[in-house]
Amino acid sequence: MSATDDGHRLLLVHAHPDDESIGTGATIAKYAAEGAAVTLVTCTLGELGEIIPPEYAHLAADRDGGLGEHRIGELAAACAALGVSDHRFLGGQGRWRDSGMMGEPTNQAPGCFWQADVDEAAAELLAVIREVRPQVMISYDDNGFYGHPDHIQAHRVASRAFELSGGQVSKFYATTVPKSVLAEAIDLMRGGEPDSPPAGGTDFTQVDSVEDLPFGVPDEAVTTAIDATSYLDAKIEAMRAHVTQIAVDSPFFALSNKVGQRALGREYYILLAGPRGPGQQPDGRETDLFAGIG
């Protein structure tokens, strides 16, 4: 049965513009193309993102929010590439600001998302849930995937909204990456395959092992693998739209830390709450976010 036939509705809750493309872009493009109603909620404008291209450096110095305003346009272009027509900023555009990396003084700034009242922010998300009625919601785990305060807060807010929804949302997932997949990607970055970078001369830094990365989980923790490799090109196009934040040398990319990563067409999740569907792979992982809910 197609997504259109059974009315699939998917809600994603991300911290900043670009997060939707990096971690869930292929999944979004797949379900949108199959007819699912996809809603994306972004919690901040990403005003404190570290800018990569020097020609955009002036945006970071604009205390009137130049970078955040610019990233709104980048996000709109990314959404178009992924087939998303329903995007909202949590509480409205600019309601909560980027908090910066963990431990920075900006974590204490009034109005930053890290300082948001969780119940207040969850009420804003709950209003979206009641409007669009998603069966499935995706955000992060309790470490925010890699420890960023806004990602952690997005998890807290999404978890609270899930609780307050009273069962209206059937399944709640966190995006993740298994360590074995990261290890394979590191081998590729070392030049183990003919298509390894740098294809276009991008100066990406390599890492020695998965333990050098601030993310990744044991393989057995992963409950769900979505094969959206047919939509990898759409994901890469969306990542390219975030030009201030992501350097793309397809099929690889890097953020401001210049640590090279492979763009994945197969994306991974941990089911945090809700019924686990029947495993469709030898490892028992789900292959459909809507599995087990009819």
Protein backbone atom coordinates (compact mmCIF):
# COMPACT_ATOMS: atom_id res chain seq x y z
CA MET A 1 0.00 0.00 0.00
CA SER A 2 1.43 3.40 -0.91
CA ALA A 3 1.89 6.28 1.50
CA THR A 4 -0.93 8.11 -0.27
CA ASP A 5 -3.33 5.17 0.17
CA ASP A 6 -2.98 4.95 3.91
CA GLY A 7 -2.41 8.63 4.65
CA HIS A 8 1.08 8.55 6.08
CA ARG A 9 2.04 11.72 7.95
CA LEU A 10 5.59 12.35 9.15
CA LEU A 11 6.80 15.13 11.47
CA LEU A 12 10.50 15.95 11.90
CA VAL A 13 11.80 18.17 14.70
CA HIS A 14 15.28 19.54 14.04
CA ALA A 15 17.41 22.08 15.88
CA HIS A 16 18.87 24.23 13.08
CA PRO A 17 18.62 24.70 9.32
CA ASP A 18 20.80 22.00 7.66
CA ASP A 19 20.13 19.31 10.30
CA GLU A 20 17.15 18.10 8.30
CA SER A 21 19.31 17.47 5.23
CA ILE A 22 22.38 15.95 6.87
CA GLY A 23 20.70 13.35 9.03
CA THR A 24 17.31 12.74 7.46
CA GLY A 25 17.41 14.23 3.96
CA ALA A 26 17.12 10.97 2.03
CA THR A 27 14.33 9.73 4.28
CA ILE A 28 12.41 12.98 3.84
CA ALA A 29 12.80 12.89 0.06
CA LYS A 30 11.70 9.24 -0.10
CA TYR A 31 8.54 9.62 1.93
CA ALA A 32 7.61 12.93 0.31
CA ALA A 33 8.03 11.38 -3.15
CA GLU A 34 5.85 8.44 -2.11
CA GLY A 35 3.04 10.79 -1.14
CA ALA A 36 3.43 11.09 2.61
CA ALA A 37 2.55 14.41 4.20
CA VAL A 38 5.89 15.62 5.58
CA THR A 39 6.09 18.47 8.08
CA LEU A 40 9.44 19.90 9.17
CA VAL A 41 9.78 21.94 12.36
CA THR A 42 13.06 23.81 12.93
CA CYS A 43 13.68 25.11 16.45
CA THR A 44 16.08 28.01 15.70
CA LEU A 45 17.40 30.00 12.76
CA GLY A 46 20.94 28.77 13.39
CA GLU A 47 22.21 32.28 14.02
CA LEU A 48 25.50 31.05 15.54
CA GLY A 49 26.49 28.57 12.85
CA GLU A 50 30.16 28.61 11.86
CA ILE A 51 30.44 29.94 8.32
CA ILE A 52 32.61 28.05 5.86
CA PRO A 53 32.91 30.20 2.68
CA PRO A 54 34.88 33.39 3.39
CA GLU A 55 32.60 35.41 1.11
CA TYR A 56 29.81 34.95 3.66
CA ALA A 57 31.90 35.81 6.73
CA HIS A 58 30.24 39.21 7.04
CA LEU A 59 26.96 37.53 7.98
CA ALA A 60 28.38 36.33 11.29
CA ALA A 61 29.35 39.88 12.19
CA ASP A 62 25.85 41.18 11.56
CA ARG A 63 24.42 41.55 15.04
CA ASP A 64 20.98 42.17 13.57
CA GLY A 65 20.72 38.51 12.66
CA GLY A 66 22.20 38.47 9.19
CA LEU A 67 23.21 34.82 9.28
CA GLY A 68 19.88 33.64 10.64
CA GLU A 69 18.00 35.55 7.95
CA HIS A 70 20.28 34.12 5.29
CA ARG A 71 19.80 30.58 6.55
CA ILE A 72 16.04 30.93 6.17
CA GLY A 73 16.63 31.14 2.42
CA GLU A 74 19.04 28.21 2.49
CA LEU A 75 16.48 26.12 4.33
CA ALA A 76 13.74 27.03 1.86
CA ALA A 77 15.96 25.86 -1.01
CA ALA A 78 16.78 22.63 0.82
CA CYS A 79 13.10 21.95 1.48
CA ALA A 80 12.36 22.43 -2.21
CA ALA A 81 15.08 19.90 -3.10
CA LEU A 82 13.60 17.38 -0.65
CA GLY A 83 9.99 17.90 -1.69
CA VAL A 84 8.90 19.49 1.60
CA SER A 85 6.18 22.13 1.31
CA ASP A 86 5.21 22.31 5.01
CA HIS A 87 7.95 23.89 7.08
CA ARG A 88 7.54 25.81 10.33
CA PHE A 89 9.87 27.44 12.84
CA LEU A 90 8.95 26.37 16.37
CA GLY A 91 6.90 29.14 17.95
CA GLY A 92 7.34 31.27 14.85
CA GLN A 93 10.40 32.61 13.05
CA GLY A 94 13.07 33.70 15.55
CA ARG A 95 11.10 32.70 18.68
CA TRP A 96 14.18 30.96 20.09
CA ARG A 97 17.77 31.68 19.11
CA ASP A 98 20.69 29.36 18.44
CA SER A 99 22.46 28.55 21.73
CA GLY A 100 25.92 27.85 20.30
CA MET A 101 28.08 24.86 21.17
CA MET A 102 27.93 23.32 24.64
CA GLY A 103 29.84 25.30 27.25
CA GLU A 104 29.81 28.58 25.34
CA PRO A 105 28.59 31.75 27.14
CA THR A 106 25.80 31.95 24.56
CA ASN A 107 24.19 28.94 26.28
CA GLN A 108 23.09 31.38 29.00
CA ALA A 109 21.73 34.09 26.72
CA PRO A 110 18.08 35.01 27.34
CA GLY A 111 15.95 33.80 24.45
CA CYS A 112 18.27 31.01 23.36
CA PHE A 113 16.70 27.60 22.86
CA TRP A 114 18.78 25.97 25.60
CA GLN A 115 17.08 28.33 28.07
CA ALA A 116 13.58 27.73 26.71
CA ASP A 117 10.94 26.43 29.08
CA VAL A 118 10.42 22.86 27.88
CA ASP A 119 6.68 22.87 28.57
CA GLU A 120 6.23 26.16 26.74
CA ALA A 121 8.16 24.95 23.70
CA ALA A 122 6.40 21.58 23.82
CA ALA A 123 3.04 23.36 23.78
CA GLU A 124 4.06 25.05 20.53
CA LEU A 125 5.02 21.69 19.05
CA LEU A 126 1.85 20.09 20.36
CA ALA A 127 -0.18 22.65 18.42
CA VAL A 128 1.57 21.48 15.24
CA ILE A 129 0.94 17.85 16.15
CA ARG A 130 -2.76 18.50 16.65
CA GLU A 131 -2.95 20.28 13.31
CA VAL A 132 -1.06 17.85 11.08
CA ARG A 133 -1.76 14.62 13.06
CA PRO A 134 1.48 12.74 12.33
CA GLN A 135 1.65 9.05 13.05
CA VAL A 136 5.46 9.25 13.21
CA MET A 137 7.78 11.88 14.69
CA ILE A 138 11.57 12.05 14.35
CA SER A 139 14.02 14.08 16.44
CA TYR A 140 17.16 13.12 18.43
CA ASP A 141 18.16 10.97 21.38
CA ASP A 142 18.75 12.40 24.85
CA ASN A 143 22.30 13.38 23.85
CA GLY A 144 21.03 15.32 20.88
CA PHE A 145 22.88 12.97 18.49
CA TYR A 146 26.22 14.62 19.26
CA GLY A 147 25.80 16.78 22.36
CA HIS A 148 24.78 20.17 20.99
CA PRO A 149 22.53 21.93 23.52
CA ASP A 150 19.89 22.80 20.94
CA HIS A 151 19.75 19.20 19.78
CA ILE A 152 19.38 18.00 23.37
CA GLN A 153 16.64 20.55 23.93
CA ALA A 154 14.89 19.51 20.71
CA HIS A 155 14.80 15.96 22.08
CA ARG A 156 13.37 17.16 25.40
CA VAL A 157 10.73 19.27 23.69
CA ALA A 158 9.75 16.55 21.22
CA SER A 159 9.60 13.97 24.02
CA ARG A 160 7.35 16.20 26.10
CA ALA A 161 5.10 16.96 23.15
CA PHE A 162 4.90 13.23 22.37
CA GLU A 163 3.81 12.62 25.96
CA LEU A 164 1.27 15.45 25.90
CA SER A 165 -0.19 14.24 22.62
CA GLY A 166 -1.82 11.38 24.50
CA GLY A 167 -1.08 8.75 21.91
CA GLN A 168 -1.90 10.84 18.86
CA VAL A 169 1.66 10.21 17.62
CA SER A 170 2.14 6.44 17.34
CA LYS A 171 5.93 6.24 16.95
CA PHE A 172 8.81 8.47 18.06
CA TYR A 173 12.29 8.01 16.57
CA ALA A 174 15.77 9.42 17.06
CA THR A 175 18.11 9.75 14.12
CA THR A 176 21.41 7.91 14.54
CA VAL A 177 24.30 6.20 12.72
CA PRO A 178 25.67 2.74 13.56
CA LYS A 179 29.37 2.58 14.29
CA SER A 180 29.96 -0.06 11.61
CA VAL A 181 28.67 2.35 8.96
CA LEU A 182 30.95 5.10 10.27
CA ALA A 183 33.91 2.71 10.18
CA GLU A 184 33.20 1.88 6.52
CA ALA A 185 32.97 5.57 5.69
CA ILE A 186 36.31 6.23 7.38
CA ASP A 187 37.91 3.50 5.28
CA LEU A 188 36.59 5.21 2.16
CA MET A 189 37.99 8.54 3.29
CA ARG A 190 41.37 6.87 3.63
CA GLY A 191 41.29 6.02 -0.04
CA GLY A 192 40.18 2.41 0.13
CA GLU A 193 37.85 2.75 -2.87
CA PRO A 194 38.22 4.26 -6.34
CA ASP A 195 35.56 6.91 -5.69
CA SER A 196 37.17 8.17 -2.52
CA PRO A 197 37.77 11.93 -2.16
CA PRO A 198 38.94 14.47 -2.91
CA ALA A 199 37.07 14.37 -6.22
CA GLY A 200 37.04 18.13 -6.45
CA GLY A 201 39.99 18.99 -4.29
CA THR A 202 38.04 19.77 -1.12
CA ASP A 203 40.36 19.93 1.90
CA PHE A 204 38.62 17.46 4.21
CA THR A 205 40.27 16.26 7.41
CA GLN A 206 40.23 12.52 8.00
CA VAL A 207 39.70 10.75 11.31
CA ASP A 208 41.43 7.56 12.43
CA SER A 209 38.53 5.71 14.05
CA VAL A 210 34.89 6.00 15.02
CA GLU A 211 36.01 6.77 18.55
CA ASP A 212 37.27 10.14 17.27
CA LEU A 213 33.71 11.12 16.35
CA PRO A 214 31.16 12.62 18.79
CA PHE A 215 28.34 10.48 17.41
CA GLY A 216 27.57 6.89 16.45
CA VAL A 217 25.97 4.04 18.39
CA PRO A 218 26.58 0.29 18.65
CA ASP A 219 24.94 -1.52 15.78
CA GLU A 220 22.59 -3.43 18.05
CA ALA A 221 21.04 -0.17 19.27
CA VAL A 222 19.72 0.65 15.79
CA THR A 223 16.12 -0.46 15.28
CA THR A 224 15.38 0.93 11.84
CA ALA A 225 17.18 1.38 8.52
CA ILE A 226 15.52 3.31 5.72
CA ASP A 227 16.90 2.53 2.28
CA ALA A 228 16.49 5.83 0.44
CA THR A 229 19.53 5.47 -1.82
CA SER A 230 17.36 6.38 -4.81
CA TYR A 231 16.97 9.80 -3.20
CA LEU A 232 20.62 10.44 -2.34
CA ASP A 233 20.94 12.99 -5.14
CA ALA A 234 18.06 14.99 -3.64
CA LYS A 235 19.74 14.86 -0.24
CA ILE A 236 23.04 16.09 -1.68
CA GLU A 237 21.24 18.90 -3.54
CA ALA A 238 19.60 19.93 -0.26
CA MET A 239 22.95 19.87 1.53
CA ARG A 240 24.45 22.06 -1.19
CA ALA A 241 21.69 24.59 -0.51
CA HIS A 242 23.16 25.13 2.98
CA VAL A 243 26.20 26.76 1.44
CA THR A 244 27.26 28.68 4.55
CA GLN A 245 27.40 25.52 6.66
CA ILE A 246 28.31 22.53 4.49
CA ALA A 247 31.11 21.89 2.01
CA VAL A 248 30.00 19.20 -0.43
CA ASP A 249 32.33 17.20 -2.64
CA SER A 250 29.86 14.48 -3.61
CA PRO A 251 29.49 11.88 -2.23
CA PHE A 252 31.37 13.41 0.70
CA PHE A 253 30.74 16.50 2.80
CA ALA A 254 32.18 18.36 5.76
CA LEU A 255 31.03 20.95 8.25
CA SER A 256 33.19 23.77 9.60
CA ASN A 257 35.44 21.26 11.39
CA LYS A 258 36.45 19.93 7.93
CA VAL A 259 35.99 16.34 9.09
CA GLY A 260 34.97 14.47 5.95
CA GLN A 261 31.85 12.32 6.07
CA ARG A 262 30.07 10.27 3.44
CA ALA A 263 26.54 11.33 2.54
CA LEU A 264 24.33 8.34 3.26
CA GLY A 265 21.36 7.25 1.21
CA ARG A 266 20.52 4.66 3.84
CA GLU A 267 19.56 6.44 7.06
CA TYR A 268 19.25 4.97 10.53
CA TYR A 269 16.98 5.43 13.52
CA ILE A 270 16.34 4.26 17.05
CA LEU A 271 12.70 3.72 18.03
CA LEU A 272 12.26 5.61 21.29
CA ALA A 273 8.56 4.94 21.78
CA GLY A 274 5.74 3.12 20.03
CA PRO A 275 5.25 -0.30 18.46
CA ARG A 276 8.19 -1.85 16.70
CA GLY A 277 7.24 -3.23 13.33
CA PRO A 278 8.36 -6.63 12.08
CA GLY A 279 12.00 -6.79 11.06
CA GLN A 280 12.46 -6.99 7.32
CA GLN A 281 16.22 -7.47 7.39
CA PRO A 282 18.42 -10.31 8.71
CA ASP A 283 19.40 -8.05 11.62
CA GLY A 284 15.73 -7.58 12.53
CA ARG A 285 15.63 -3.87 11.75
CA GLU A 286 12.50 -2.19 10.48
CA THR A 287 12.63 -0.90 6.92
CA ASP A 288 9.63 1.41 7.17
CA LEU A 289 9.00 4.12 9.75
CA PHE A 290 5.28 3.34 9.63
CA ALA A 291 5.71 -0.41 10.17
CA GLY A 292 3.54 -1.83 12.93
CA ILE A 293 0.89 0.87 12.98
CA GLY A 294 -1.33 -0.27 10.13
